[in-house]
PDB file of N, CA and C in Angstrom:
ATOM      1  N   MET A   1      89.743  98.914  90.407  1.00  0.00           N
ATOM      2  CA  MET A   1      89.836  99.595  91.982  1.00  0.00           C
ATOM      3  C   MET A   1      91.319  99.968  91.599  1.00  0.00           C
ATOM      4  N   ARG A   2      91.538 101.283  92.224  1.00  0.00           N
ATOM      5  CA  ARG A   2      92.475 102.004  92.032  1.00  0.00           C
ATOM      6  C   ARG A   2      92.995 102.427  93.796  1.00  0.00           C
ATOM      7  N   LEU A   3      94.219 101.984  93.965  1.00  0.00           N
ATOM      8  CA  LEU A   3      95.068 102.088  95.282  1.00  0.00           C
ATOM      9  C   LEU A   3      95.724 103.271  95.082  1.00  0.00           C
ATOM     10  N   LEU A   4      95.132 104.356  95.988  1.00  0.00           N
ATOM     11  CA  LEU A   4      95.797 105.774  95.811  1.00  0.00           C
ATOM     12  C   LEU A   4      97.335 105.330  96.530  1.00  0.00           C
ATOM     13  N   GLY A   5      98.530 105.760  95.868  1.00  0.00           N
ATOM     14  CA  GLY A   5      99.940 105.957  96.546  1.00  0.00           C
ATOM     15  C   GLY A   5     100.138 107.558  96.658  1.00  0.00           C
ATOM     16  N   SER A   6      98.915 108.093  96.034  1.00  0.00           N
ATOM     17  CA  SER A   6      99.131 109.873  96.658  1.00  0.00           C
ATOM     18  C   SER A   6      97.717 110.041  97.522  1.00  0.00           C
ATOM     19  N   THR A   7      98.057 111.421  97.600  1.00  0.00           N
ATOM     20  CA  THR A   7      96.321 111.871  98.730  1.00  0.00           C
ATOM     21  C   THR A   7      95.499 112.682  97.751  1.00  0.00           C
ATOM     22  N   LYS A   8      95.886 112.193  96.749  1.00  0.00           N
ATOM     23  CA  LYS A   8      95.146 113.777  95.792  1.00  0.00           C
ATOM     24  C   LYS A   8      94.612 112.871  95.223  1.00  0.00           C
ATOM     25  N   TYR A   9      93.129 112.804  94.828  1.00  0.00           N
ATOM     26  CA  TYR A   9      92.492 112.183  93.663  1.00  0.00           C
ATOM     27  C   TYR A   9      91.382 113.130  93.208  1.00  0.00           C
ATOM     28  N   ASN A  10      91.689 113.347  91.850  1.00  0.00           N
ATOM     29  CA  ASN A  10      90.397 114.323  91.249  1.00  0.00           C
ATOM     30  C   ASN A  10      90.773 115.778  91.647  1.00  0.00           C
ATOM     31  N   GLY A  11      92.079 115.950  92.053  1.00  0.00           N
ATOM     32  CA  GLY A  11      91.802 117.376  92.309  1.00  0.00           C
ATOM     33  C   GLY A  11      91.911 117.863  94.088  1.00  0.00           C
ATOM     34  N   LYS A  12      90.981 116.453  94.491  1.00  0.00           N
ATOM     35  CA  LYS A  12      90.903 116.804  96.138  1.00  0.00           C
ATOM     36  C   LYS A  12      91.741 115.952  96.877  1.00  0.00           C
ATOM     37  N   GLU A  13      92.286 116.394  98.169  1.00  0.00           N
ATOM     38  CA  GLU A  13      92.926 116.188  99.039  1.00  0.00           C
ATOM     39  C   GLU A  13      92.770 115.299  99.820  1.00  0.00           C
ATOM     40  N   MET A  14      92.758 114.042  99.351  1.00  0.00           N
ATOM     41  CA  MET A  14      91.709 112.592 100.465  1.00  0.00           C
ATOM     42  C   MET A  14      92.633 112.392 101.500  1.00  0.00           C
ATOM     43  N   THR A  15      92.199 112.215 102.842  1.00  0.00           N
ATOM     44  CA  THR A  15      92.603 112.262 104.238  1.00  0.00           C
ATOM     45  C   THR A  15      91.805 110.613 104.440  1.00  0.00           C
ATOM     46  N   ILE A  16      92.349 110.388 106.510  1.00  0.00           N
ATOM     47  CA  ILE A  16      91.699 109.205 106.385  1.00  0.00           C
ATOM     48  C   ILE A  16      90.197 109.598 106.991  1.00  0.00           C
ATOM     49  N   THR A  17      89.821 110.838 106.562  1.00  0.00           N
ATOM     50  CA  THR A  17      88.511 110.905 107.097  1.00  0.00           C
ATOM     51  C   THR A  17      87.865 111.076 105.910  1.00  0.00           C
ATOM     52  N   ASP A  18      88.213 110.346 104.878  1.00  0.00           N
ATOM     53  CA  ASP A  18      87.412 110.074 103.483  1.00  0.00           C
ATOM     54  C   ASP A  18      87.086 108.422 103.457  1.00  0.00           C
ATOM     55  N   SER A  19      87.609 107.715 104.656  1.00  0.00           N
ATOM     56  CA  SER A  19      87.438 106.441 105.005  1.00  0.00           C
ATOM     57  C   SER A  19      86.267 106.197 105.164  1.00  0.00           C
ATOM     58  N   ARG A  20      85.393 105.629 104.720  1.00  0.00           N
ATOM     59  CA  ARG A  20      83.874 105.142 105.257  1.00  0.00           C
ATOM     60  C   ARG A  20      83.511 103.782 106.000  1.00  0.00           C
ATOM     61  N   GLU A  21      84.912 103.193 106.071  1.00  0.00           N
ATOM     62  CA  GLU A  21      84.856 101.714 106.872  1.00  0.00           C
ATOM     63  C   GLU A  21      86.791 100.970 106.256  1.00  0.00           C
ATOM     64  N   PHE A  22      87.079 100.521 107.020  1.00  0.00           N
ATOM     65  CA  PHE A  22      88.223  99.620 106.779  1.00  0.00           C
ATOM     66  C   PHE A  22      88.115  98.105 106.801  1.00  0.00           C
ATOM     67  N   LEU A  23      89.059  97.847 105.647  1.00  0.00           N
ATOM     68  CA  LEU A  23      89.209  96.315 105.081  1.00  0.00           C
ATOM     69  C   LEU A  23      90.636  96.212 105.366  1.00  0.00           C
ATOM     70  N   THR A  24      91.050  94.920 105.430  1.00  0.00           N
ATOM     71  CA  THR A  24      92.706  94.138 105.140  1.00  0.00           C
ATOM     72  C   THR A  24      92.419  93.813 103.921  1.00  0.00           C
ATOM     73  N   HIS A  25      94.265  93.313 103.772  1.00  0.00           N
ATOM     74  CA  HIS A  25      94.554  92.760 102.991  1.00  0.00           C
ATOM     75  C   HIS A  25      93.460  91.278 102.120  1.00  0.00           C
ATOM     76  N   LYS A  26      93.191  90.332 103.338  1.00  0.00           N
ATOM     77  CA  LYS A  26      92.253  89.672 102.449  1.00  0.00           C
ATOM     78  C   LYS A  26      90.783  90.090 102.078  1.00  0.00           C
ATOM     79  N   ASP A  27      90.021  90.973 102.763  1.00  0.00           N
ATOM     80  CA  ASP A  27      89.325  91.318 102.443  1.00  0.00           C
ATOM     81  C   ASP A  27      88.889  91.457 100.782  1.00  0.00           C
ATOM     82  N   LEU A  28      90.650  91.972 100.517  1.00  0.00           N
ATOM     83  CA  LEU A  28      90.336  92.320  98.860  1.00  0.00           C
ATOM     84  C   LEU A  28      91.247  91.222  97.894  1.00  0.00           C
ATOM     85  N   GLY A  29      91.983  90.247  98.638  1.00  0.00           N
ATOM     86  CA  GLY A  29      92.672  89.225  98.076  1.00  0.00           C
ATOM     87  C   GLY A  29      93.547  90.024  97.902  1.00  0.00           C
ATOM     88  N   ILE A  30      94.813  90.924  98.659  1.00  0.00           N
ATOM     89  CA  ILE A  30      95.952  91.612  98.377  1.00  0.00           C
ATOM     90  C   ILE A  30      96.954  90.940  98.796  1.00  0.00           C
ATOM     91  N   ASP A  31      98.190  90.650  99.155  1.00  0.00           N
ATOM     92  CA  ASP A  31      98.930  89.761  99.217  1.00  0.00           C
ATOM     93  C   ASP A  31      99.723  90.936 100.507  1.00  0.00           C
ATOM     94  N   THR A  32      99.754  90.250 101.820  1.00  0.00           N
ATOM     95  CA  THR A  32     100.466  91.077 102.643  1.00  0.00           C
ATOM     96  C   THR A  32     101.507  91.946 102.837  1.00  0.00           C
ATOM     97  N   ASN A  33     102.215  91.316 101.306  1.00  0.00           N
ATOM     98  CA  ASN A  33     103.652  92.111 100.768  1.00  0.00           C
ATOM     99  C   ASN A  33     103.475  92.758 100.092  1.00  0.00           C
ATOM    100  N   TYR A  34     102.407  93.401  99.408  1.00  0.00           N
ATOM    101  CA  TYR A  34     101.815  94.505  98.664  1.00  0.00           C
ATOM    102  C   TYR A  34     102.318  95.324  99.308  1.00  0.00           C
ATOM    103  N   TYR A  35     103.080  96.345  98.234  1.00  0.00           N
ATOM    104  CA  TYR A  35     103.610  97.868  98.443  1.00  0.00           C
ATOM    105  C   TYR A  35     104.726  97.569 100.056  1.00  0.00           C
ATOM    106  N   GLY A  36     105.431  96.499  99.986  1.00  0.00           N
ATOM    107  CA  GLY A  36     106.365  96.406 100.756  1.00  0.00           C
ATOM    108  C   GLY A  36     106.065  96.022 101.935  1.00  0.00           C
ATOM    109  N   GLY A  37     104.555  95.554 102.269  1.00  0.00           N
ATOM    110  CA  GLY A  37     104.255  95.173 103.579  1.00  0.00           C
ATOM    111  C   GLY A  37     104.058  96.188 104.365  1.00  0.00           C
ATOM    112  N   ASN A  38     103.927  97.399 104.330  1.00  0.00           N
ATOM    113  CA  ASN A  38     103.678  98.748 104.837  1.00  0.00           C
ATOM    114  C   ASN A  38     102.261  98.771 105.541  1.00  0.00           C
ATOM    115  N   ILE A  39     101.368  98.510 104.203  1.00  0.00           N
ATOM    116  CA  ILE A  39      99.985  98.826 104.198  1.00  0.00           C
ATOM    117  C   ILE A  39      99.224  98.060 105.691  1.00  0.00           C
ATOM    118  N   LYS A  40      99.112  98.644 106.503  1.00  0.00           N
ATOM    119  CA  LYS A  40      97.998  97.739 107.752  1.00  0.00           C
ATOM    120  C   LYS A  40      96.892  97.594 107.328  1.00  0.00           C
ATOM    121  N   ARG A  41      96.228  98.986 106.872  1.00  0.00           N
ATOM    122  CA  ARG A  41      94.608  98.967 106.918  1.00  0.00           C
ATOM    123  C   ARG A  41      94.369  99.766 105.276  1.00  0.00           C
ATOM    124  N   ILE A  42      92.930  99.081 104.527  1.00  0.00           N
ATOM    125  CA  ILE A  42      92.213  99.851 103.659  1.00  0.00           C
ATOM    126  C   ILE A  42      91.526 100.420 103.332  1.00  0.00           C
ATOM    127  N   GLY A  43      91.603 101.635 103.047  1.00  0.00           N
ATOM    128  CA  GLY A  43      89.851 102.437 103.604  1.00  0.00           C
ATOM    129  C   GLY A  43      89.276 102.759 102.312  1.00  0.00           C
ATOM    130  N   VAL A  44      87.838 102.429 102.429  1.00  0.00           N
ATOM    131  CA  VAL A  44      87.008 102.478 101.332  1.00  0.00           C
ATOM    132  C   VAL A  44      86.365 103.964 101.370  1.00  0.00           C
ATOM    133  N   THR A  45      86.647 104.644 100.252  1.00  0.00           N
ATOM    134  CA  THR A  45      85.661 105.992 100.450  1.00  0.00           C
ATOM    135  C   THR A  45      84.782 105.822  99.474  1.00  0.00           C
ATOM    136  N   SER A  46      84.075 107.096  99.259  1.00  0.00           N
ATOM    137  CA  SER A  46      82.618 107.340  98.749  1.00  0.00           C
ATOM    138  C   SER A  46      82.873 107.478  97.373  1.00  0.00           C
ATOM    139  N   ASN A  47      84.269 107.791  96.509  1.00  0.00           N
ATOM    140  CA  ASN A  47      84.649 107.262  95.446  1.00  0.00           C
ATOM    141  C   ASN A  47      84.472 105.567  95.165  1.00  0.00           C
ATOM    142  N   LYS A  48      83.341 105.702  94.251  1.00  0.00           N
ATOM    143  CA  LYS A  48      83.395 104.010  93.673  1.00  0.00           C
ATOM    144  C   LYS A  48      84.999 103.642  93.383  1.00  0.00           C
ATOM    145  N   GLY A  49      85.544 102.424  94.102  1.00  0.00           N
ATOM    146  CA  GLY A  49      86.356 101.580  93.683  1.00  0.00           C
ATOM    147  C   GLY A  49      87.598 102.484  93.876  1.00  0.00           C
ATOM    148  N   VAL A  50      87.447 103.518  94.670  1.00  0.00           N
ATOM    149  CA  VAL A  50      89.066 104.253  95.301  1.00  0.00           C
ATOM    150  C   VAL A  50      89.223 103.970  96.658  1.00  0.00           C
ATOM    151  N   TYR A  51      90.492 103.843  97.083  1.00  0.00           N
ATOM    152  CA  TYR A  51      90.923 102.739  98.363  1.00  0.00           C
ATOM    153  C   TYR A  51      91.872 104.155  98.750  1.00  0.00           C
ATOM    154  N   LEU A  52      92.037 104.200  99.778  1.00  0.00           N
ATOM    155  CA  LEU A  52      93.491 104.504 100.965  1.00  0.00           C
ATOM    156  C   LEU A  52      94.259 103.800 101.194  1.00  0.00           C
ATOM    157  N   LEU A  53      95.369 103.591 100.979  1.00  0.00           N
ATOM    158  CA  LEU A  53      96.736 102.861 101.751  1.00  0.00           C
ATOM    159  C   LEU A  53      97.035 103.385 103.045  1.00  0.00           C
ATOM    160  N   LEU A  54      96.748 102.886 104.206  1.00  0.00           N
ATOM    161  CA  LEU A  54      97.151 103.650 105.590  1.00  0.00           C
ATOM    162  C   LEU A  54      98.113 102.499 106.142  1.00  0.00           C
ATOM    163  N   ASP A  55      99.307 102.767 106.666  1.00  0.00           N
ATOM    164  CA  ASP A  55     100.014 102.268 107.593  1.00  0.00           C
ATOM    165  C   ASP A  55      99.974 102.837 108.586  1.00  0.00           C
ATOM    166  N   GLU A  56     100.444 102.176 109.457  1.00  0.00           N
ATOM    167  CA  GLU A  56     100.313 102.327 111.140  1.00  0.00           C
ATOM    168  C   GLU A  56     101.590 102.689 111.664  1.00  0.00           C
TER     169      GLU A  56
END
């Protein structure tokens, strides 16, 4: 699993529209305090194992 802290991956600018579905911390077994507790949703992209961290 790769959790992107940047919006670029393999030279492509990733945006929220690249997310196919959204998961929660619980879905992936990630502590809710991960990344300072700022992450509210995790976006699944079409790139296998690549997720976008989304705050609200």
